[in-house]
Amino acid sequence: MTAAPGAFPLHGWDWLQLFGHFLLLSLLSVGGALTTAPEMHRYLVLQQRWLSETQFSSSITLAQAAPGPNILFVALLGWNLGMNSGGPLLALAGVALALTGILLPSTIVTHLASQWGHRNRHLRAVRAFKQGMAPVVIGLMLATGWILARTAHDAGPAWPLWLLTTATALLVWRTRLHVLWLLAAGALLGILGAV
């Protein structure tokens, strides 16, 4: 199996580098693994070129459209890395390696920190830390959206995409409309060639 256009296959040492990078990213995934998507994009697509732009953005899009946790996009990234490197067996190994790397440290830290935070929830510093992290998480989510939108911009004119992005953000913010309806509407507009 050959790698996707614009992507290089991983070899021996590369897998260990990938695992180590995901272990580090796990410790930065405040607000969820999706907040580390910009750094994953920089590392996997721009620096190492192990994934194409299309593979990266489609992994996130498919995971967001599917029911289940947001972390599914990491499994799809691992799957695509393995498929680029040799086929389904390496893809399964890529899924296991990527998920273990991104989940293991953050799970341990979250467990320990939540126990400590619950015991010390009355402290002003704990309350301030929780409030201070909100803008950081929002900024990281905006960076993820920017990367996904920029990838789509390469395929055609940008203004319909930005209009749809703005409308979607307003609907999510001001209404209780379920996000799956918005994803379905976006998919329909894409099929019709409107965005």
Foldseek 3Di string as FASTA:
>chain_A
DAADPQAAADDDVRLVVLLVVLLVLLVVQVVHSLLCLVVVCCVRCVPRRHHHLVQLLVLQLVLVLDPDDSCSSQLSVLLNNQCNHPHRVSSNVRSVSSCCSNPVVNVVVVVVVVVVCVVVVVDPVSVVVVVVCVVVSVVSNVSSVVSSLVSVCVVDPRPLVVVLVVVLVCCVVPHPDDVNVSSVVVVVCVVVVVD
